Protein backbone atom coordinates (compact mmCIF):
# COMPACT_ATOMS: atom_id res chain seq x y z
CA MET A 1 -30.86 -23.61 3.90
CA LYS A 2 -33.25 -26.46 3.05
CA LYS A 3 -36.28 -25.10 1.30
CA GLN A 4 -39.33 -26.78 -0.21
CA THR A 5 -40.10 -25.81 -3.80
CA LYS A 6 -43.83 -25.58 -4.72
CA LEU A 7 -45.29 -28.36 -6.76
CA VAL A 8 -47.41 -28.28 -9.90
CA ALA A 9 -50.88 -26.95 -9.12
CA VAL A 10 -52.96 -29.88 -10.39
CA LEU A 11 -55.05 -32.07 -8.14
CA SER A 12 -54.88 -35.74 -8.96
CA THR A 13 -57.66 -38.21 -8.27
CA ALA A 14 -55.54 -39.77 -5.58
CA ALA A 15 -55.05 -36.38 -3.92
CA LEU A 16 -58.81 -35.74 -3.94
CA LEU A 17 -59.40 -39.08 -2.34
CA ALA A 18 -56.79 -38.29 0.33
CA ILE A 19 -58.45 -34.99 1.12
CA GLY A 20 -61.87 -36.59 1.24
CA ALA A 21 -60.64 -39.17 3.68
CA SER A 22 -59.40 -36.48 6.06
CA MET A 23 -62.54 -34.41 5.93
CA THR A 24 -65.78 -34.84 7.73
CA SER A 25 -68.78 -34.79 5.42
CA PHE A 26 -72.12 -33.34 6.53
CA ALA A 27 -75.45 -33.40 4.82
CA ALA A 28 -76.00 -29.64 4.83
CA THR A 29 -73.03 -28.28 6.73
CA GLY A 30 -69.32 -28.85 6.06
CA TRP A 31 -67.22 -30.12 3.18
CA ALA A 32 -68.60 -31.25 -0.09
CA GLU A 33 -67.07 -32.31 -3.37
CA GLU A 34 -68.48 -30.46 -6.37
CA ASP A 35 -67.20 -30.70 -9.93
CA GLY A 36 -63.83 -32.05 -8.96
CA THR A 37 -63.12 -29.60 -6.16
CA TRP A 38 -64.02 -29.08 -2.56
CA VAL A 39 -66.34 -26.49 -1.05
CA TYR A 40 -67.59 -25.78 2.45
CA TYR A 41 -71.13 -24.96 3.60
CA ASP A 42 -71.97 -23.15 6.83
CA ARG A 43 -74.92 -23.94 9.09
CA ASN A 44 -77.17 -21.82 6.99
CA GLY A 45 -76.30 -23.89 3.99
CA ASP A 46 -74.35 -21.05 2.39
CA LYS A 47 -71.11 -21.71 0.59
CA VAL A 48 -68.18 -20.26 2.64
CA THR A 49 -65.96 -17.78 0.75
CA ASP A 50 -62.71 -15.96 1.56
CA LYS A 51 -62.30 -17.86 4.80
CA TRP A 52 -60.28 -20.60 6.39
CA ALA A 53 -61.80 -23.96 7.32
CA LYS A 54 -60.26 -26.72 9.34
CA SER A 55 -60.43 -30.43 8.86
CA GLY A 56 -58.54 -32.64 11.21
CA ASN A 57 -55.21 -30.99 11.94
CA ASN A 58 -55.09 -29.05 8.68
CA TRP A 59 -56.38 -25.68 7.58
CA TYR A 60 -57.79 -24.99 4.13
CA TYR A 61 -58.80 -21.80 2.38
CA LEU A 62 -62.03 -21.16 0.53
CA ASP A 63 -61.58 -18.58 -2.20
CA SER A 64 -64.01 -15.92 -3.44
CA ASN A 65 -65.86 -18.60 -5.41
CA GLY A 66 -66.10 -20.81 -2.37
CA GLU A 67 -63.69 -23.33 -3.85
CA MET A 68 -60.79 -24.75 -1.87
CA ALA A 69 -57.60 -22.97 -2.91
CA VAL A 70 -54.64 -25.09 -3.96
CA ASP A 71 -51.03 -24.30 -4.72
CA GLN A 72 -51.21 -20.57 -4.25
CA LEU A 73 -50.26 -17.62 -2.09
CA ILE A 74 -53.12 -16.36 0.00
CA GLU A 75 -53.38 -12.74 1.08
CA ASP A 76 -55.65 -12.58 4.11
CA GLY A 77 -55.78 -9.17 5.73
CA ASP A 78 -52.23 -8.01 6.44
CA ASN A 79 -50.85 -11.54 6.31
CA TYR A 80 -49.73 -13.98 3.64
CA TYR A 81 -50.23 -17.76 3.64
CA TYR A 82 -49.58 -20.61 1.26
CA VAL A 83 -51.66 -23.69 0.53
CA ASP A 84 -50.07 -26.65 -1.24
CA ILE A 85 -51.43 -28.83 -4.07
CA ASN A 86 -53.61 -30.59 -1.54
CA GLY A 87 -54.92 -27.29 -0.26
CA VAL A 88 -53.16 -27.68 3.09
CA MET A 89 -51.86 -24.51 4.69
CA ALA A 90 -48.05 -24.53 4.85
CA ALA A 91 -46.45 -24.24 8.28
CA ASN A 92 -42.84 -24.22 9.50
CA GLN A 93 -41.43 -24.42 6.00
CA TRP A 94 -39.85 -22.58 3.10
CA VAL A 95 -41.77 -22.31 -0.16
CA ALA A 96 -40.61 -20.96 -3.51
CA ILE A 97 -43.29 -19.16 -5.49
CA ASP A 98 -42.97 -18.21 -9.12
CA ASN A 99 -42.25 -14.54 -9.85
CA GLU A 100 -44.65 -12.96 -12.33
CA ASP A 101 -41.94 -10.43 -13.31
CA ALA A 102 -39.23 -13.01 -14.01
CA GLY A 103 -36.94 -12.07 -16.87
CA GLN A 104 -37.25 -8.31 -16.32
CA ASP A 105 -33.99 -6.60 -15.33
CA ASP A 106 -32.82 -8.10 -12.04
CA GLU A 107 -36.00 -10.08 -11.28
CA PRO A 108 -35.53 -13.74 -10.15
CA GLU A 109 -37.44 -16.79 -11.41
CA HIS A 110 -39.06 -17.17 -8.01
CA TYR A 111 -39.21 -15.74 -4.52
CA TRP A 112 -38.83 -17.67 -1.29
CA TYR A 113 -41.22 -17.31 1.65
CA TYR A 114 -41.07 -18.75 5.13
CA PHE A 115 -44.35 -19.75 6.75
CA GLN A 116 -44.45 -19.96 10.54
CA ALA A 117 -46.24 -22.49 12.72
CA ASN A 118 -49.42 -20.38 12.44
CA GLY A 119 -49.09 -20.34 8.66
CA LYS A 120 -48.28 -16.65 8.47
CA ALA A 121 -45.37 -15.69 6.25
CA LEU A 122 -42.53 -13.86 7.93
CA LYS A 123 -42.45 -10.28 6.67
CA GLN A 124 -41.14 -6.84 7.35
CA GLY A 125 -42.67 -5.02 10.29
CA ASP A 126 -44.03 -1.51 10.33
CA SER A 127 -40.56 0.08 10.58
CA ASP A 128 -38.77 1.29 7.47
CA LYS A 129 -35.58 -0.35 8.72
CA VAL A 130 -34.80 -3.94 7.94
CA SER A 131 -36.23 -6.34 10.52
CA LEU A 132 -34.10 -9.46 10.88
CA LYS A 133 -35.83 -12.82 11.44
CA THR A 134 -34.19 -15.98 12.70
CA VAL A 135 -34.98 -19.27 10.97
CA ASN A 136 -33.15 -22.44 11.98
CA GLY A 137 -30.37 -20.41 13.59
CA LYS A 138 -29.79 -18.12 10.59
CA LYS A 139 -30.97 -14.56 10.08
CA TYR A 140 -33.07 -13.46 7.14
CA ALA A 141 -34.93 -10.38 5.96
CA PHE A 142 -38.28 -10.15 4.20
CA ASP A 143 -40.23 -7.41 2.48
CA ASP A 144 -43.72 -6.30 3.49
CA GLU A 145 -45.23 -8.99 1.25
CA GLY A 146 -43.19 -11.79 2.79
CA LYS A 147 -40.70 -12.23 -0.03
CA MET A 148 -37.28 -13.23 1.27
CA LEU A 149 -34.72 -10.54 0.48
CA TYR A 150 -31.44 -11.55 -1.04
CA GLY A 151 -28.32 -9.88 -2.40
CA TRP A 152 -27.59 -6.27 -1.46
CA VAL A 153 -30.01 -4.57 0.94
CA ASP A 154 -30.09 -1.09 2.51
CA GLU A 155 -30.87 -1.09 6.24
CA ASN A 156 -33.27 1.85 5.80
CA SER A 157 -35.40 0.15 3.18
CA ALA A 158 -36.68 -3.40 3.42
CA GLU A 159 -36.26 -3.89 -0.33
CA ARG A 160 -33.72 -5.67 -2.44
CA ILE A 161 -31.49 -3.21 -4.32
CA ASP A 162 -31.64 -3.70 -8.08
CA ASN A 163 -28.22 -5.08 -9.08
CA THR A 164 -28.72 -5.03 -12.85
CA ASP A 165 -25.69 -2.76 -13.25
CA GLY A 166 -23.62 -4.61 -10.64
CA ASP A 167 -23.31 -1.55 -8.37
CA ALA A 168 -25.96 -2.27 -5.73
CA PHE A 169 -23.22 -2.54 -3.11
CA LYS A 170 -22.83 1.26 -3.10
CA GLU A 171 -26.25 1.70 -1.47
CA ALA A 172 -26.18 -1.43 0.68
CA THR A 173 -25.78 -2.19 4.36
CA TYR A 174 -26.36 -5.97 4.28
CA TYR A 175 -25.72 -8.84 1.94
CA PHE A 176 -28.21 -11.75 2.09
CA GLY A 177 -26.69 -14.27 -0.30
CA GLY A 178 -28.16 -15.54 -3.53
CA GLU A 179 -31.80 -15.91 -4.56
CA ASP A 180 -31.89 -19.51 -3.29
CA ASP A 181 -29.99 -18.84 -0.08
CA GLY A 182 -30.77 -15.51 1.53
CA ALA A 183 -29.06 -16.03 4.90
CA MET A 184 -27.52 -12.85 6.28
CA THR A 185 -23.81 -12.70 5.52
CA THR A 186 -21.31 -12.22 8.32
CA GLY A 187 -17.56 -12.14 7.92
CA TRP A 188 -15.81 -12.00 4.56
CA LEU A 189 -17.49 -11.88 1.17
CA LEU A 190 -15.70 -11.99 -2.20
CA THR A 191 -17.93 -10.92 -5.05
CA ASP A 192 -17.94 -9.32 -8.48
CA VAL A 193 -19.02 -5.69 -8.68
CA THR A 194 -19.09 -2.84 -11.15
CA TYR A 195 -17.18 0.06 -9.60
CA ASN A 196 -16.87 2.98 -12.03
CA GLU A 197 -15.77 5.44 -9.32
CA ALA A 198 -12.67 3.34 -8.73
CA THR A 199 -11.32 4.32 -12.13
CA ASN A 200 -11.27 8.02 -11.21
CA ASP A 201 -7.90 9.63 -10.51
CA ASP A 202 -8.89 10.38 -6.92
CA TYR A 203 -9.17 6.65 -6.21
CA LYS A 204 -5.41 6.39 -6.79
CA TYR A 205 -5.11 7.73 -3.24
CA THR A 206 -7.59 5.22 -1.82
CA ALA A 207 -6.60 1.97 -3.55
CA ALA A 208 -4.68 2.38 -6.77
CA ALA A 209 -4.57 -1.41 -7.19
CA PHE A 210 -8.20 -1.26 -8.37
CA ASN A 211 -7.94 1.80 -10.60
CA ASP A 212 -7.69 0.17 -14.02
CA ASP A 213 -11.07 -1.44 -14.70
CA GLU A 214 -14.62 -0.83 -13.43
CA ASP A 215 -15.36 -4.59 -13.51
CA GLN A 216 -13.82 -5.81 -10.27
CA THR A 217 -13.73 -8.66 -7.80
CA ARG A 218 -13.62 -7.18 -4.30
CA TRP A 219 -13.64 -8.29 -0.69
CA PHE A 220 -16.23 -6.96 1.79
CA TYR A 221 -16.58 -7.61 5.51
CA PHE A 222 -19.79 -7.81 7.53
CA LYS A 223 -19.94 -7.55 11.31
CA SER A 224 -21.79 -10.05 13.50
CA ASN A 225 -24.93 -7.89 13.16
CA GLY A 226 -24.67 -8.24 9.38
CA LYS A 227 -23.75 -4.62 8.71
CA MET A 228 -20.98 -3.96 6.22
CA ILE A 229 -17.89 -2.10 7.39
CA LYS A 230 -17.30 1.06 5.37
CA ALA A 231 -15.93 4.55 5.77
CA ASP A 232 -18.30 7.27 6.83
CA ASN A 233 -18.32 10.93 7.82
CA GLY A 234 -16.55 11.84 4.60
CA GLU A 235 -13.45 9.76 5.43
CA ARG A 236 -11.53 8.01 2.68
CA THR A 237 -11.15 4.69 4.52
CA LYS A 238 -12.28 2.89 7.67
CA ASP A 239 -9.83 0.76 9.67
CA LYS A 240 -10.84 -2.57 11.20
CA THR A 241 -8.90 -5.24 13.06
CA ILE A 242 -10.10 -8.71 12.08
CA ASN A 243 -8.62 -11.84 13.64
CA GLY A 244 -5.60 -9.86 14.77
CA LYS A 245 -4.90 -8.34 11.35
CA LYS A 246 -5.59 -4.76 10.28
CA TYR A 247 -7.63 -3.91 7.20
CA ALA A 248 -9.12 -0.81 5.63
CA PHE A 249 -12.38 -0.37 3.73
CA ASP A 250 -13.49 2.44 1.46
CA GLU A 251 -16.70 4.48 1.50
CA TYR A 252 -18.65 1.65 -0.17
CA GLY A 253 -17.17 -1.11 1.97
CA ALA A 254 -14.68 -2.50 -0.53
CA MET A 255 -11.45 -3.67 1.08
CA VAL A 256 -8.43 -1.69 -0.05
CA ALA A 257 -5.19 -3.37 -1.03
CA GLU A 258 -1.60 -2.44 -1.68
CA TRP A 259 -1.05 1.34 -1.37
CA SER A 260 -3.58 3.58 0.36
CA LEU A 261 -3.29 7.15 1.68
CA ASP A 262 -4.67 7.62 5.18
CA GLU A 263 -6.80 10.74 5.08
CA GLY A 264 -6.35 11.59 8.75
CA ASP A 265 -2.58 11.52 8.45
CA GLU A 266 -2.81 13.36 5.16
CA LYS A 267 -4.50 16.25 6.94
CA ILE A 268 -1.75 16.30 9.54
CA ALA A 269 0.83 16.37 6.77
CA SER A 270 -1.04 19.16 5.10
CA LYS A 271 -0.88 21.33 8.18
CA SER A 272 2.71 20.57 9.15
CA GLU A 273 4.60 20.73 5.88
CA GLU A 274 2.33 21.74 3.06
CA ARG A 275 1.97 25.36 4.04
CA ALA A 276 5.59 25.64 5.03
CA LYS A 277 6.88 24.25 1.74
CA ALA A 278 4.29 25.22 -0.85
CA SER A 279 4.34 28.74 -2.30
CA VAL A 280 0.52 28.96 -2.31
CA ASP A 281 -2.27 27.54 -0.26
CA VAL A 282 -3.68 24.33 -1.68
CA ALA A 283 -6.68 22.22 -0.82
CA SER A 284 -4.94 18.97 -0.05
CA THR A 285 -1.67 17.16 -0.06
CA SER A 286 -2.85 15.42 -3.19
CA GLU A 287 -2.59 18.72 -5.02
CA ALA A 288 0.58 19.77 -3.22
CA TRP A 289 2.74 16.72 -3.95
CA ASN A 290 1.13 14.95 -6.87
CA GLY A 291 3.34 11.90 -6.76
CA LYS A 292 6.73 13.56 -6.42
CA GLY A 293 7.64 12.14 -3.03
CA ASN A 294 9.09 15.44 -1.87
CA TYR A 295 7.85 15.58 1.71
CA ALA A 296 8.31 13.03 4.45
CA LYS A 297 5.03 13.80 6.25
CA TYR A 298 3.11 13.11 3.07
CA THR A 299 4.89 9.78 2.64
CA GLN A 300 4.22 8.78 6.24
CA ALA A 301 0.50 9.11 5.52
CA TRP A 302 0.70 6.21 3.03
CA ARG A 303 0.11 2.63 4.17
CA TYR A 304 0.59 -0.71 2.48
CA PHE A 305 -1.99 -3.49 2.64
CA ASN A 306 -0.51 -6.48 0.83
CA SER A 307 -2.15 -8.07 -2.18
CA VAL A 308 -5.69 -7.80 -3.52
CA GLU A 309 -6.20 -11.41 -2.35
CA ASP A 310 -5.02 -10.69 1.20
CA GLY A 311 -5.33 -6.99 2.03
CA SER A 312 -3.99 -7.16 5.59
CA ARG A 313 -1.93 -4.12 6.46
CA VAL A 314 1.82 -4.31 6.81
CA SER A 315 1.87 -2.87 10.32
CA LYS A 316 5.54 -3.42 11.02
CA GLY A 317 8.53 -4.61 9.10
CA TRP A 318 10.13 -4.66 5.68
CA PHE A 319 8.33 -5.02 2.39
CA LYS A 320 9.53 -4.61 -1.19
CA VAL A 321 7.09 -3.18 -3.74
CA VAL A 322 6.71 -0.64 -6.53
CA ALA A 323 5.78 2.84 -5.29
CA ALA A 324 2.23 4.11 -5.59
CA GLU A 325 1.71 6.37 -8.57
CA MET A 326 0.84 9.30 -6.31
CA LEU A 327 3.77 8.57 -4.02
CA ASN A 328 6.51 8.48 -6.66
CA LYS A 329 5.23 8.61 -10.21
CA ASP A 330 8.64 8.15 -11.83
CA LYS A 331 9.32 4.90 -9.96
CA TYR A 332 5.75 3.79 -10.60
CA ASP A 333 6.10 4.40 -14.33
CA ASP A 334 9.42 2.53 -14.37
CA ASP A 335 7.90 -0.38 -12.42
CA GLU A 336 10.92 -0.17 -10.12
CA ASP A 337 10.49 -1.78 -6.72
CA ALA A 338 12.20 -0.73 -3.51
CA TRP A 339 12.34 -1.63 0.16
CA TYR A 340 10.08 0.17 2.65
CA TYR A 341 9.62 -0.17 6.40
CA ALA A 342 6.45 0.20 8.45
CA ASP A 343 6.95 1.51 11.97
CA GLY A 344 4.46 -0.61 13.97
CA SER A 345 1.42 1.56 13.33
CA GLY A 346 1.67 1.02 9.60
CA LYS A 347 3.26 4.40 8.90
CA LEU A 348 6.31 4.48 6.69
CA TYR A 349 9.73 5.64 7.78
CA ALA A 350 10.57 8.56 5.54
CA GLY A 351 13.16 11.34 5.41
CA GLU A 352 15.15 9.97 8.34
CA PHE A 353 17.72 7.58 9.75
CA LYS A 354 16.31 4.67 11.74
CA THR A 355 17.90 1.91 13.77
CA ILE A 356 16.20 -1.43 13.14
CA LYS A 357 17.33 -4.52 15.05
CA GLY A 358 20.65 -2.94 15.87
CA LYS A 359 21.39 -1.75 12.32
CA LYS A 360 21.01 1.78 11.02
CA TYR A 361 19.18 2.57 7.80
CA ALA A 362 18.23 5.66 5.85
CA PHE A 363 14.91 6.32 4.16
CA ARG A 364 14.24 8.85 1.44
CA LYS A 365 11.45 11.37 1.72
CA ASP A 366 9.34 9.07 -0.44
CA GLY A 367 10.00 6.16 1.94
CA ARG A 368 12.42 4.13 -0.18
CA MET A 369 15.31 2.57 1.70
CA VAL A 370 18.64 4.09 0.70
CA ASP A 371 21.28 1.74 -0.62
CA GLY A 372 24.75 2.11 -2.07
CA LEU A 373 26.91 5.23 -1.97
CA LYS A 374 24.98 8.43 -1.36
CA PHE A 375 25.43 12.04 -0.27
CA ILE A 376 22.69 13.18 2.15
CA ASN A 377 22.09 16.60 3.68
CA ASP A 378 20.24 17.59 6.86
CA ASP A 379 17.01 18.10 4.87
CA PHE A 380 17.41 14.49 3.74
CA ASP A 381 17.97 15.23 0.12
CA VAL A 382 19.61 12.06 -1.20
CA VAL A 383 22.09 12.29 -4.07
CA LYS A 384 23.01 9.18 -6.03
CA ALA A 385 26.52 8.46 -7.23
CA ASP A 386 25.68 8.83 -10.93
CA ASN A 387 24.05 12.21 -10.41
CA ASP A 388 23.64 13.97 -13.73
CA ASP A 389 25.27 17.25 -12.68
CA MET A 390 27.94 16.26 -10.17
CA PRO A 391 28.58 12.50 -10.28
CA PHE A 392 30.94 10.67 -7.95
CA ASP A 393 30.83 7.14 -9.32
CA THR A 394 34.45 7.10 -10.53
CA GLU A 395 37.64 8.12 -8.75
CA ASP A 396 38.13 11.17 -10.96
CA ASP A 397 34.53 12.29 -10.51
CA PHE A 398 34.74 11.67 -6.78
CA LEU A 399 37.86 13.81 -6.43
CA GLN A 400 36.27 16.55 -8.51
CA TYR A 401 32.78 16.73 -7.10
CA ALA A 402 32.92 15.32 -3.56
CA PRO A 403 34.45 18.59 -2.28
CA GLU A 404 31.50 20.48 -3.79
CA TRP A 405 28.95 18.22 -2.11
CA VAL A 406 30.73 18.59 1.21
CA ASP A 407 30.77 22.35 0.71
CA LYS A 408 26.98 22.19 0.22
CA ASP A 409 26.71 20.52 3.67
CA TYR A 410 26.13 17.02 2.33
CA LYS A 411 27.67 14.01 4.06
CA LEU A 412 28.67 10.81 2.34
CA TYR A 413 27.22 7.47 3.53
CA TYR A 414 27.48 3.91 2.34
CA PHE A 415 24.59 1.49 2.79
CA GLY A 416 25.69 -1.68 1.09
CA ASP A 417 23.75 -3.06 -1.84
CA SER A 418 20.00 -3.15 -2.53
CA SER A 419 19.57 -6.44 -0.64
CA ASP A 420 21.18 -5.06 2.51
CA GLY A 421 20.86 -1.31 3.00
CA ALA A 422 22.41 -1.25 6.49
CA MET A 423 24.68 1.71 7.15
CA LYS A 424 28.37 0.84 7.11
CA THR A 425 30.84 2.31 9.62
CA GLY A 426 34.57 2.23 10.23
CA LYS A 427 37.04 1.03 7.61
CA THR A 428 35.13 -0.04 4.53
CA ASN A 429 36.05 -1.01 0.98
CA ILE A 430 33.80 0.60 -1.63
CA ASN A 431 33.80 -0.15 -5.33
CA LEU A 432 33.91 2.73 -7.79
CA ASP A 433 33.76 1.87 -11.48
CA GLY A 434 35.25 -1.55 -10.89
CA ASP A 435 38.03 -0.45 -8.55
CA SER A 436 38.07 -0.88 -4.78
CA PHE A 437 38.85 2.10 -2.54
CA ASN A 438 39.46 2.42 1.17
CA PHE A 439 36.97 4.55 3.09
CA TYR A 440 36.64 5.52 6.70
CA LEU A 441 33.10 6.13 7.96
CA GLU A 442 32.42 7.58 11.40
CA LYS A 443 31.75 4.88 13.99
CA SER A 444 29.71 6.81 16.54
CA GLY A 445 28.09 10.08 17.52
CA SER A 446 25.72 12.31 15.61
CA THR A 447 27.74 11.81 12.43
CA LYS A 448 27.80 8.01 12.66
CA GLY A 449 28.26 6.52 9.20
CA ALA A 450 29.36 9.81 7.61
CA GLY A 451 32.52 9.84 5.54
CA TYR A 452 35.47 11.28 7.47
CA ASN A 453 37.06 14.53 6.31
CA GLY A 454 40.60 15.46 7.29
CA GLU A 455 43.67 13.70 8.73
CA LYS A 456 43.48 10.51 10.72
CA ASP A 457 46.36 8.19 11.64
CA SER A 458 48.72 10.06 9.26
CA LYS A 459 46.34 9.60 6.38
CA LEU A 460 44.05 12.05 4.60
CA TYR A 461 40.37 11.52 3.86
CA LEU A 462 37.89 13.19 1.54
CA ALA A 463 34.27 12.39 2.39
CA GLY A 464 35.53 9.11 3.76
CA MET A 465 37.78 8.19 0.84
CA MET A 466 41.39 7.66 1.83
CA LEU A 467 43.58 9.66 -0.51
CA LYS A 468 46.49 7.63 -1.82
CA ALA A 469 48.85 7.76 -4.76
CA GLY A 470 48.06 5.64 -7.74
CA SER A 471 50.22 2.56 -8.19
CA ASP A 472 51.77 4.00 -11.34
CA ASP A 473 52.33 7.42 -9.76
CA LYS A 474 53.92 6.04 -6.55
CA TYR A 475 53.64 9.50 -4.95
CA GLN A 476 51.04 12.27 -5.31
CA VAL A 477 50.29 15.57 -3.65
CA ALA A 478 47.13 16.09 -1.60
CA LYS A 479 45.75 19.62 -1.37
CA LYS A 480 43.66 21.20 1.35
CA LEU A 481 40.95 23.32 -0.22
CA ASP A 482 39.57 26.59 1.12
CA THR A 483 36.56 24.64 2.41
CA GLY A 484 38.87 22.63 4.65
CA VAL A 485 38.59 19.31 2.81
CA TRP A 486 41.44 17.50 1.12
CA THR A 487 41.62 16.32 -2.46
CA LYS A 488 44.33 14.85 -4.66
CA ILE A 489 46.29 16.61 -7.37
CA ASP A 490 46.70 14.61 -10.54
CA GLY A 491 50.50 14.38 -10.86
CA ALA A 492 53.55 16.53 -10.29
CA GLU A 493 53.02 18.58 -13.44
CA LYS A 494 49.63 19.73 -12.13
CA PHE A 495 51.19 20.42 -8.74
CA ALA A 496 53.81 22.59 -10.45
CA GLU A 497 50.99 24.84 -11.62
CA GLU A 498 49.92 25.65 -8.05
CA SER A 499 50.58 29.20 -6.82
CA ILE A 500 53.04 28.10 -4.14
CA VAL A 501 55.28 26.47 -6.74
CA ASP A 502 57.87 28.54 -8.70
CA GLN A 503 60.06 27.18 -11.43
CA LEU A 504 63.75 28.07 -11.01
CA ASP A 505 66.69 28.11 -13.30
CA VAL A 506 68.73 25.00 -12.93
CA THR A 507 71.85 26.38 -11.27
CA GLN A 508 74.16 24.93 -8.68
CA ASP A 509 73.39 27.82 -6.35
CA ASN A 510 69.65 27.09 -6.54
CA LEU A 511 70.26 23.41 -5.98
CA ASP A 512 72.51 24.12 -3.01
CA GLU A 513 70.01 26.57 -1.58
CA LEU A 514 67.28 23.93 -1.74
CA GLY A 515 69.57 21.33 -0.20
CA ILE A 516 69.50 19.15 -3.27
CA ASN A 517 72.76 17.19 -3.48
CA LYS A 518 72.85 17.02 -7.27
CA LYS A 519 74.94 18.46 -10.04
CA ALA A 520 73.22 21.09 -12.14
CA LYS A 521 74.21 19.25 -15.30
CA ASP A 522 72.12 16.27 -14.20
CA ILE A 523 68.91 18.24 -13.60
CA LYS A 524 66.41 19.08 -16.35
CA GLU A 525 63.71 20.99 -14.36
CA LEU A 526 63.72 22.59 -10.92
CA TYR A 527 60.87 23.95 -8.79
CA LYS A 528 60.78 25.64 -5.44
CA VAL A 529 57.78 25.05 -3.17
CA ALA A 530 56.77 27.62 -0.60
CA GLU A 531 56.19 26.31 2.89
CA SER A 532 52.55 25.41 3.39
CA ASN A 533 50.59 23.04 5.59
CA ASN A 534 47.94 22.81 2.88
CA TYR A 535 49.95 20.37 0.76
CA LYS A 536 51.04 16.89 1.74
CA LEU A 537 52.89 14.19 -0.15
CA ILE A 538 51.18 10.78 0.07
CA ASN A 539 52.32 7.32 -1.02
CA THR A 540 50.42 4.35 -2.46
CA SER A 541 49.25 3.25 0.98
CA GLY A 542 47.89 6.72 1.69
CA LYS A 543 50.44 7.55 4.36
CA ILE A 544 51.70 11.12 4.55
CA VAL A 545 55.41 11.36 3.82
CA ASP A 546 56.79 12.90 7.02
CA LYS A 547 60.56 12.47 6.65
CA SER A 548 63.28 14.62 5.19
CA GLY A 549 64.47 13.16 1.96
CA LYS A 550 63.65 12.51 -1.66
CA SER A 551 60.73 10.56 -3.12
CA LYS A 552 60.66 9.77 -6.84
CA ASP A 553 57.30 9.23 -8.48
CA GLY A 554 56.53 7.05 -11.49
CA ASN A 555 56.93 9.94 -13.92
CA ASP A 556 60.57 10.83 -13.02
CA PHE A 557 59.60 13.73 -10.75
CA VAL A 558 61.47 13.84 -7.45
CA TYR A 559 59.80 15.38 -4.40
CA VAL A 560 62.07 16.90 -1.75
CA THR A 561 60.57 16.98 1.74
CA LYS A 562 61.54 18.29 5.14
CA GLY A 563 59.28 16.52 7.56
CA GLU A 564 55.77 16.83 6.12
CA ASN A 565 56.66 19.95 4.10
CA ILE A 566 57.31 19.69 0.35
CA VAL A 567 60.18 22.10 -0.37
CA ALA A 568 61.13 21.32 -3.95
CA ILE A 569 60.59 19.24 -7.08
CA TYR A 570 63.06 18.36 -9.78
CA VAL A 571 63.39 16.20 -12.84
CA GLU A 572 66.65 14.44 -13.65
CA LYS A 573 68.04 14.32 -17.16
């Protein structure tokens, strides 16, 4: 805006001469110079007061003393005018007039006025609502005294909101720029505010990124009519698509960023899962979950809006960030980031398997992508390999605890590392404590990706792990548990303790009866094994020994088999 600042209110001799030249002098009627100023006499010879007089193309104002007014604001009836240092009424121009209250609180040094072609200052109409005026293609607002409004303004009151405390935005509808600008703002505005409500715990659900300090720099957005976008009707946020991107704004119009909980979806979550899972009725999901990430519906109500500098919503696709405090407090406190996926509407995948671009992924109830080796049940409880109570991150731990997880209706899955996360299927090598193990993961169907349990291609699997003898053992016994899953027995000595195994005296009759073609004098220990399909002998490649014969392990124990049945064990001297 180009505005004309008022000049010093002193008439020079040259100015007086210029005025005199433009005025018509009359003997008894008209303009006259008296004591260094100009006056005007009517036909009766009386000095004119409190009225306008014209000379040439210009209008002049005679004050209450009858003297021509110069460099001042004129209040005439319900209207305001300005006369310059030459006394000429201003028209079609901006004028800055000193503010008598300058220096007090939020008062400016001067106020701007705009005087129309008829000299009248633009001002607020009779309505209490802001009346917008167009000057040189831009919109402005004025109070009822003609002062241009600037900064934060409420639509229901044609007055500038005092911004001494930096919180005028909370009451505002419009923003009209600075004291020397004043044009109505449309589009984006980045400005400093004081926002003490943002530091309250409840704001952690709205925009936790701004929760630390009341002194903030925030983005606001104003529609083409100048009105600020903000949530209303008691809602936490208001959504708005701007230039093809989606944003959200809080109750005072501040753009949210990073994590934000959608109140509408929160209410849906509250009805669907809160009352089913919580032992007592609660007012909101905020009280029910409190940052534990226990329920998928609650997680799906969270949305992510990029950085505080951007704020556009991640509507679809992957993003890697630290969890919101009220989504998963532990991960928030640890500053541990994770991958999340937005489904196209901005909602998170949570507590479910999802196929994305031909690959299958799993997402925890708190929305984090699952990676690595995990047991998962139908309720989507995810158990990590180094679980405190029943770990499975070493071979020994796996053999001990995997049967228990399977018995609890958990299935084992493998999702690669943290940079991948895609579900693996079929034959897969998985590292446990530095050693590589062969796994078989279902390739199709409702159990796709789940570790196979049972016999396949003459090999035995426990939660996907192929059971095979250690290289030093050469041969080991696999046992079928009461739950139907197989595990591995740690050596022949442990196998000898099984209920189907009886130790016999080393006699020739016992050897002959067992079909062992050895002399009794050459045998140190002898065991008879009752026939059972629940025990299989496996070699270092995992294959079930299915021939009749003898197989010596690495600890001098000899297994005697008839087909797949183990019939005896002995130790040579």
